[in-house]
Protein backbone atom coordinates (compact mmCIF):
# COMPACT_ATOMS: atom_id res chain seq x y z
CA MET A 1 0.00 0.00 0.00
CA LYS A 2 1.25 3.47 -0.84
CA GLU A 3 1.74 6.20 1.75
CA LYS A 4 -1.26 8.54 1.91
CA GLY A 5 0.70 11.64 0.89
CA TYR A 6 1.22 10.21 -2.60
CA PHE A 7 -2.48 9.85 -3.47
CA GLN A 8 -4.17 12.53 -5.57
CA PHE A 9 -7.84 12.79 -6.53
CA LYS A 10 -8.17 11.91 -10.24
CA LEU A 11 -10.80 11.17 -12.82
CA TYR A 12 -10.25 7.85 -14.55
CA SER A 13 -10.05 9.77 -17.84
CA ASP A 14 -7.21 11.95 -16.45
CA VAL A 15 -5.02 8.85 -16.22
CA TYR A 16 -6.25 6.59 -19.03
CA GLY A 17 -8.01 8.90 -21.49
CA CYS A 18 -11.64 9.23 -22.46
CA GLU A 19 -11.53 6.54 -25.16
CA ASP A 20 -10.23 3.79 -22.85
CA LEU A 21 -13.09 1.34 -22.22
CA SER A 22 -11.15 -0.67 -19.66
CA HIS A 23 -11.44 -0.36 -15.89
CA VAL A 24 -9.48 -0.61 -12.65
CA HIS A 25 -10.44 -1.66 -9.14
CA CYS A 26 -10.07 -0.01 -5.75
CA GLU A 27 -7.08 -1.60 -4.06
CA ILE A 28 -9.07 -2.04 -0.84
CA CYS A 29 -12.72 -2.90 -1.64
CA TRP A 30 -12.52 -3.84 -5.35
CA GLN A 31 -14.95 -1.04 -6.43
CA VAL A 32 -14.86 -0.65 -10.23
CA ILE A 33 -13.43 2.67 -11.46
CA THR A 34 -13.98 3.31 -15.17
CA ASN A 35 -15.09 5.75 -17.89
CA ASP A 36 -17.99 3.45 -18.74
CA ASN A 37 -21.38 4.04 -17.18
CA TRP A 38 -21.82 0.54 -15.79
CA GLN A 39 -24.05 -0.18 -12.84
CA ASP A 40 -22.26 0.28 -9.49
CA THR A 41 -19.18 1.96 -10.96
CA VAL A 42 -17.50 5.30 -10.33
CA ASN A 43 -15.37 7.44 -12.64
CA ASN A 44 -12.96 8.89 -10.06
CA GLY A 45 -10.93 8.08 -6.99
CA TYR A 46 -7.52 8.60 -5.47
CA TYR A 47 -4.55 7.55 -7.59
CA SER A 48 -0.89 6.93 -6.87
CA ASN A 49 1.45 5.30 -9.39
CA ASP A 50 -0.91 2.62 -10.77
CA THR A 51 -2.80 2.18 -7.48
CA TRP A 52 -6.42 3.33 -7.21
CA VAL A 53 -8.50 3.76 -4.05
CA CYS A 54 -12.19 4.69 -4.24
CA ASN A 55 -13.45 7.79 -2.43
CA GLN A 56 -15.07 5.87 0.42
CA CYS A 57 -12.00 3.74 1.14
CA TYR A 58 -9.79 6.82 0.97
CA LEU A 59 -11.92 8.56 3.61
CA ASN A 60 -12.17 5.44 5.79
CA PHE A 61 -8.69 4.00 5.52
CA VAL A 62 -6.14 6.30 3.86
CA GLU A 63 -7.00 9.72 5.26
CA PRO A 64 -6.99 8.75 8.97
CA ASP A 65 -3.57 8.62 10.56
CA ASN A 66 -4.11 5.02 11.70
CA TYR A 67 -5.18 3.67 8.29
CA LEU A 68 -2.53 0.94 8.17
CA ASP A 69 -3.82 -0.41 11.49
CA ALA A 70 -7.38 -0.41 10.11
CA ILE A 71 -6.39 -2.15 6.87
CA VAL A 72 -4.65 -5.07 8.60
CA THR A 73 -7.89 -5.87 10.45
CA LEU A 74 -9.83 -6.40 7.21
CA GLU A 75 -10.60 -9.89 6.00
CA LYS A 76 -8.31 -10.95 3.19
CA VAL A 77 -10.20 -12.30 0.18
CA ALA A 78 -8.97 -13.69 -3.12
CA GLU A 79 -9.21 -11.46 -6.17
CA PRO A 80 -12.30 -12.22 -8.27
CA GLN A 81 -11.57 -14.23 -11.39
């Protein structure tokens, strides 16, 4: 996980361009971040060198000073296939 000072709020299109129909996932909760208007997706988040965190996870886990302590308490799950 990146240090919180390196994250900047970005639109997906700021990083990958408006024509890119791909998507990325929040590093913490697996929220889809994309240019597409899919159900349950967002088009922005916090970005740091190829790592994305959705707005909610940023507020809950990255912004607080004890975010690393909070993250280690989360259940580890396998990445969806």
